[in-house]
C-alpha cells in the first residue's frame, strides 16, 4: 500500500551492516513490491488508496540512488499473474543470486 521510500533503503543498509558485524556475508538486498491481488483488497478494507503495482515498482526504483551497489528492485512478484507468498518470492531471489547464495 505505502510505496517504498528512502527509509526502507536505509533500513536495508543498516541490516547489512549489522549482519556483517555478526560475521555474515550479505550479497544483495532487494525491494519487492507486492502483487495487486494482495494490496488492492487490503487497501479497500482499510479505506486507503491502493497504488497500482506498476506505480509502486516505479516508485521503489526511484528510491534507490544510482550508485547503490546493494539494493535493487525486483518486479518479479508484482508482475506475476496472481499473488505469490513469501516462500516463492524468496526462491526467486535465490535463483537470481545463483551460485553466490
N, C-alpha and C. Protein backbone atom coordinates (compact mmCIF):
# COMPACT_ATOMS: atom_id res chain seq x y z
N UNK A 1 0.82 -1.17 0.00
CA UNK A 1 0.00 0.00 0.00
C UNK A 1 0.87 1.24 0.00
N UNK A 2 1.61 1.43 1.06
CA UNK A 2 2.52 2.56 1.07
C UNK A 2 3.71 2.21 0.19
N UNK A 3 4.03 3.09 -0.73
CA UNK A 3 5.16 2.75 -1.60
C UNK A 3 6.48 2.76 -0.81
N UNK A 4 7.43 2.03 -1.35
CA UNK A 4 8.77 2.04 -0.76
C UNK A 4 9.31 3.46 -0.75
N UNK A 5 10.12 3.76 0.26
CA UNK A 5 10.72 5.09 0.34
C UNK A 5 12.17 4.94 0.81
N UNK A 6 12.87 6.04 0.87
CA UNK A 6 14.30 6.00 1.21
C UNK A 6 14.56 5.40 2.59
N UNK A 7 13.60 5.50 3.49
CA UNK A 7 13.76 4.87 4.81
C UNK A 7 13.87 3.36 4.70
N UNK A 8 13.15 2.76 3.76
CA UNK A 8 13.26 1.32 3.54
C UNK A 8 14.67 0.97 3.06
N UNK A 9 15.18 1.77 2.14
CA UNK A 9 16.53 1.52 1.61
C UNK A 9 17.56 1.68 2.72
N UNK A 10 17.42 2.72 3.54
CA UNK A 10 18.34 2.92 4.65
C UNK A 10 18.30 1.73 5.62
N UNK A 11 17.10 1.22 5.88
CA UNK A 11 16.96 0.06 6.75
C UNK A 11 17.70 -1.15 6.20
N UNK A 12 17.65 -1.36 4.89
CA UNK A 12 18.37 -2.48 4.28
C UNK A 12 19.88 -2.31 4.45
N UNK A 13 20.37 -1.09 4.31
CA UNK A 13 21.81 -0.85 4.51
C UNK A 13 22.19 -1.06 5.97
N UNK A 14 21.34 -0.64 6.88
CA UNK A 14 21.62 -0.85 8.31
C UNK A 14 21.60 -2.34 8.66
N UNK A 15 20.68 -3.08 8.08
CA UNK A 15 20.63 -4.52 8.31
C UNK A 15 21.90 -5.19 7.80
N UNK A 16 22.36 -4.77 6.63
CA UNK A 16 23.61 -5.32 6.08
C UNK A 16 24.76 -5.08 7.03
N UNK A 17 24.88 -3.87 7.52
CA UNK A 17 25.98 -3.54 8.44
C UNK A 17 25.91 -4.40 9.69
N UNK A 18 24.73 -4.57 10.25
CA UNK A 18 24.57 -5.37 11.47
C UNK A 18 24.88 -6.84 11.22
N UNK A 19 24.42 -7.37 10.10
CA UNK A 19 24.69 -8.76 9.78
C UNK A 19 26.18 -9.00 9.55
N UNK A 20 26.84 -8.06 8.88
CA UNK A 20 28.28 -8.21 8.66
C UNK A 20 29.05 -8.13 9.97
N UNK A 21 28.60 -7.30 10.91
CA UNK A 21 29.22 -7.26 12.24
C UNK A 21 29.12 -8.61 12.93
N UNK A 22 28.06 -9.33 12.65
CA UNK A 22 27.83 -10.64 13.27
C UNK A 22 28.52 -11.77 12.50
N UNK A 23 29.25 -11.41 11.44
CA UNK A 23 30.02 -12.40 10.70
C UNK A 23 29.36 -12.96 9.45
N UNK A 24 28.23 -12.42 9.08
CA UNK A 24 27.55 -12.88 7.86
C UNK A 24 28.04 -12.09 6.66
N UNK A 25 27.95 -12.72 5.49
CA UNK A 25 28.26 -12.03 4.25
C UNK A 25 26.94 -11.70 3.54
N UNK A 26 26.73 -10.44 3.24
CA UNK A 26 25.49 -10.01 2.59
C UNK A 26 25.79 -9.77 1.12
N UNK A 27 25.09 -10.48 0.26
CA UNK A 27 25.32 -10.38 -1.17
C UNK A 27 24.50 -9.27 -1.82
N UNK A 28 23.28 -9.12 -1.36
CA UNK A 28 22.38 -8.16 -2.00
C UNK A 28 21.16 -7.95 -1.11
N UNK A 29 20.42 -6.92 -1.44
CA UNK A 29 19.14 -6.66 -0.79
C UNK A 29 18.19 -6.23 -1.89
N UNK A 30 16.91 -6.56 -1.71
CA UNK A 30 16.00 -6.13 -2.74
C UNK A 30 14.66 -5.74 -2.19
N UNK A 31 14.05 -4.79 -2.88
CA UNK A 31 12.68 -4.37 -2.60
C UNK A 31 11.79 -5.10 -3.60
N UNK A 32 10.74 -5.71 -3.10
CA UNK A 32 9.85 -6.47 -3.95
C UNK A 32 8.41 -6.02 -3.72
N UNK A 33 7.93 -5.09 -4.54
CA UNK A 33 6.54 -4.65 -4.38
C UNK A 33 5.58 -5.84 -4.50
N UNK A 34 4.62 -5.89 -3.61
CA UNK A 34 3.67 -6.99 -3.56
C UNK A 34 2.63 -6.89 -4.67
N UNK A 35 2.14 -8.02 -5.08
CA UNK A 35 1.16 -8.13 -6.16
C UNK A 35 -0.13 -7.39 -5.79
N UNK A 36 -0.77 -6.83 -6.80
CA UNK A 36 -2.05 -6.14 -6.61
C UNK A 36 -3.12 -7.04 -5.99
N UNK A 37 -3.03 -8.34 -6.25
CA UNK A 37 -4.00 -9.27 -5.70
C UNK A 37 -4.01 -9.29 -4.18
N UNK A 38 -2.93 -8.86 -3.57
CA UNK A 38 -2.86 -8.74 -2.12
C UNK A 38 -3.12 -7.29 -1.68
N UNK A 39 -2.49 -6.36 -2.37
CA UNK A 39 -2.52 -4.96 -1.94
C UNK A 39 -3.90 -4.32 -2.12
N UNK A 40 -4.51 -4.52 -3.27
CA UNK A 40 -5.77 -3.82 -3.54
C UNK A 40 -6.90 -4.20 -2.57
N UNK A 41 -7.13 -5.49 -2.29
CA UNK A 41 -8.17 -5.81 -1.30
C UNK A 41 -7.85 -5.26 0.09
N UNK A 42 -6.58 -5.28 0.46
CA UNK A 42 -6.19 -4.74 1.76
C UNK A 42 -6.46 -3.24 1.81
N UNK A 43 -6.12 -2.53 0.74
CA UNK A 43 -6.36 -1.08 0.69
C UNK A 43 -7.85 -0.78 0.81
N UNK A 44 -8.67 -1.52 0.07
CA UNK A 44 -10.13 -1.31 0.14
C UNK A 44 -10.64 -1.56 1.56
N UNK A 45 -10.16 -2.65 2.16
CA UNK A 45 -10.61 -3.00 3.52
C UNK A 45 -10.25 -1.90 4.52
N UNK A 46 -9.10 -1.26 4.32
CA UNK A 46 -8.64 -0.22 5.24
C UNK A 46 -9.09 1.18 4.83
N UNK A 47 -9.76 1.28 3.69
CA UNK A 47 -10.19 2.60 3.22
C UNK A 47 -9.03 3.46 2.77
N UNK A 48 -7.99 2.82 2.26
CA UNK A 48 -6.79 3.53 1.83
C UNK A 48 -6.68 3.50 0.31
N UNK A 49 -5.84 4.36 -0.22
CA UNK A 49 -5.57 4.37 -1.66
C UNK A 49 -4.65 3.19 -1.96
N UNK A 50 -5.03 2.41 -2.95
CA UNK A 50 -4.20 1.28 -3.38
C UNK A 50 -3.50 1.63 -4.67
N UNK A 51 -2.25 2.04 -4.57
CA UNK A 51 -1.48 2.36 -5.77
C UNK A 51 -1.25 1.09 -6.58
N UNK A 52 -1.22 1.22 -7.89
CA UNK A 52 -1.02 0.05 -8.75
C UNK A 52 0.37 -0.54 -8.54
N UNK A 53 0.49 -1.81 -8.81
CA UNK A 53 1.79 -2.48 -8.69
C UNK A 53 2.85 -1.84 -9.57
N UNK A 54 2.47 -1.48 -10.78
CA UNK A 54 3.43 -0.84 -11.69
C UNK A 54 3.94 0.47 -11.11
N UNK A 55 3.03 1.26 -10.54
CA UNK A 55 3.45 2.53 -9.94
C UNK A 55 4.33 2.29 -8.71
N UNK A 56 3.92 1.33 -7.86
CA UNK A 56 4.73 1.04 -6.67
C UNK A 56 6.13 0.54 -7.05
N UNK A 57 6.23 -0.25 -8.12
CA UNK A 57 7.54 -0.72 -8.58
C UNK A 57 8.38 0.44 -9.08
N UNK A 58 7.76 1.34 -9.83
CA UNK A 58 8.49 2.52 -10.33
C UNK A 58 8.95 3.41 -9.18
N UNK A 59 8.09 3.64 -8.21
CA UNK A 59 8.47 4.46 -7.06
C UNK A 59 9.60 3.80 -6.28
N UNK A 60 9.55 2.48 -6.13
CA UNK A 60 10.63 1.76 -5.44
C UNK A 60 11.94 1.96 -6.19
N UNK A 61 11.90 1.87 -7.50
CA UNK A 61 13.11 2.07 -8.31
C UNK A 61 13.69 3.46 -8.09
N UNK A 62 12.83 4.44 -7.97
CA UNK A 62 13.28 5.82 -7.80
C UNK A 62 13.81 6.11 -6.40
N UNK A 63 13.58 5.22 -5.44
CA UNK A 63 14.10 5.45 -4.09
C UNK A 63 15.57 5.07 -3.97
N UNK A 64 16.07 4.33 -4.93
CA UNK A 64 17.44 3.82 -4.85
C UNK A 64 18.38 4.76 -5.59
N UNK A 65 19.45 5.13 -4.93
CA UNK A 65 20.45 6.00 -5.55
C UNK A 65 21.13 5.26 -6.70
N UNK A 66 21.51 5.97 -7.76
CA UNK A 66 22.13 5.31 -8.93
C UNK A 66 23.39 4.51 -8.60
N UNK A 67 24.15 4.92 -7.60
CA UNK A 67 25.41 4.24 -7.27
C UNK A 67 25.24 3.15 -6.20
N UNK A 68 24.02 2.85 -5.79
CA UNK A 68 23.78 1.86 -4.75
C UNK A 68 24.12 0.47 -5.28
N UNK A 69 25.14 -0.15 -4.70
CA UNK A 69 25.55 -1.48 -5.16
C UNK A 69 24.95 -2.61 -4.32
N UNK A 70 24.08 -2.28 -3.40
CA UNK A 70 23.46 -3.29 -2.54
C UNK A 70 22.00 -3.54 -2.91
N UNK A 71 21.21 -2.48 -3.03
CA UNK A 71 19.76 -2.61 -3.13
C UNK A 71 19.30 -2.53 -4.59
N UNK A 72 18.41 -3.46 -4.93
CA UNK A 72 17.77 -3.45 -6.24
C UNK A 72 16.28 -3.67 -6.05
N UNK A 73 15.52 -3.32 -7.07
CA UNK A 73 14.08 -3.57 -7.06
C UNK A 73 13.82 -4.80 -7.93
N UNK A 74 13.04 -5.71 -7.38
CA UNK A 74 12.60 -6.86 -8.16
C UNK A 74 11.15 -6.63 -8.54
N UNK A 75 10.86 -6.71 -9.82
CA UNK A 75 9.49 -6.58 -10.31
C UNK A 75 8.83 -7.95 -10.48
N UNK A 76 9.57 -9.00 -10.17
CA UNK A 76 9.07 -10.35 -10.39
C UNK A 76 7.74 -10.58 -9.69
N UNK A 77 7.66 -10.26 -8.41
CA UNK A 77 6.45 -10.53 -7.62
C UNK A 77 5.25 -9.76 -8.16
N UNK A 78 5.43 -8.49 -8.42
CA UNK A 78 4.33 -7.64 -8.85
C UNK A 78 3.86 -7.99 -10.27
N UNK A 79 4.73 -8.62 -11.06
CA UNK A 79 4.38 -8.96 -12.44
C UNK A 79 3.83 -10.37 -12.61
N UNK A 80 3.70 -11.11 -11.53
CA UNK A 80 3.12 -12.46 -11.62
C UNK A 80 1.63 -12.36 -11.92
N UNK A 81 1.05 -13.41 -12.51
CA UNK A 81 -0.37 -13.35 -12.86
C UNK A 81 -1.30 -13.32 -11.64
N UNK A 82 -0.79 -13.75 -10.48
CA UNK A 82 -1.59 -13.69 -9.26
C UNK A 82 -0.63 -13.56 -8.07
N UNK A 83 -1.19 -13.32 -6.90
CA UNK A 83 -0.39 -13.15 -5.69
C UNK A 83 0.44 -14.39 -5.41
N UNK A 84 1.72 -14.17 -5.08
CA UNK A 84 2.60 -15.25 -4.62
C UNK A 84 3.09 -14.89 -3.23
N UNK A 85 3.20 -15.88 -2.38
CA UNK A 85 3.58 -15.63 -0.99
C UNK A 85 5.10 -15.62 -0.84
N UNK A 86 5.53 -15.25 0.35
CA UNK A 86 6.96 -15.03 0.63
C UNK A 86 7.86 -16.20 0.25
N UNK A 87 7.50 -17.46 0.52
CA UNK A 87 8.44 -18.54 0.16
C UNK A 87 8.79 -18.55 -1.33
N UNK A 88 7.80 -18.32 -2.19
CA UNK A 88 8.08 -18.30 -3.64
C UNK A 88 8.93 -17.09 -4.02
N UNK A 89 8.68 -15.97 -3.39
CA UNK A 89 9.48 -14.77 -3.66
C UNK A 89 10.93 -15.02 -3.24
N UNK A 90 11.11 -15.65 -2.10
CA UNK A 90 12.47 -15.97 -1.62
C UNK A 90 13.19 -16.92 -2.56
N UNK A 91 12.46 -17.91 -3.08
CA UNK A 91 13.07 -18.85 -4.02
C UNK A 91 13.51 -18.14 -5.30
N UNK A 92 12.71 -17.18 -5.74
CA UNK A 92 13.09 -16.40 -6.94
C UNK A 92 14.36 -15.61 -6.68
N UNK A 93 14.47 -15.01 -5.49
CA UNK A 93 15.69 -14.28 -5.15
C UNK A 93 16.89 -15.22 -5.17
N UNK A 94 16.74 -16.41 -4.64
CA UNK A 94 17.85 -17.37 -4.65
C UNK A 94 18.25 -17.71 -6.08
N UNK A 95 17.27 -17.84 -6.97
CA UNK A 95 17.60 -18.12 -8.36
C UNK A 95 18.36 -16.95 -9.00
N UNK A 96 17.96 -15.73 -8.68
CA UNK A 96 18.64 -14.55 -9.22
C UNK A 96 20.10 -14.51 -8.74
N UNK A 97 20.29 -14.82 -7.46
CA UNK A 97 21.65 -14.80 -6.90
C UNK A 97 22.49 -15.97 -7.39
N UNK A 98 21.85 -17.05 -7.80
CA UNK A 98 22.55 -18.19 -8.36
C UNK A 98 23.51 -18.83 -7.38
N UNK A 99 24.70 -19.12 -7.86
CA UNK A 99 25.70 -19.81 -7.07
C UNK A 99 26.27 -18.98 -5.92
N UNK A 100 26.03 -17.67 -5.95
CA UNK A 100 26.54 -16.82 -4.87
C UNK A 100 25.78 -17.01 -3.57
N UNK A 101 24.53 -17.50 -3.66
CA UNK A 101 23.69 -17.65 -2.46
C UNK A 101 24.13 -18.81 -1.60
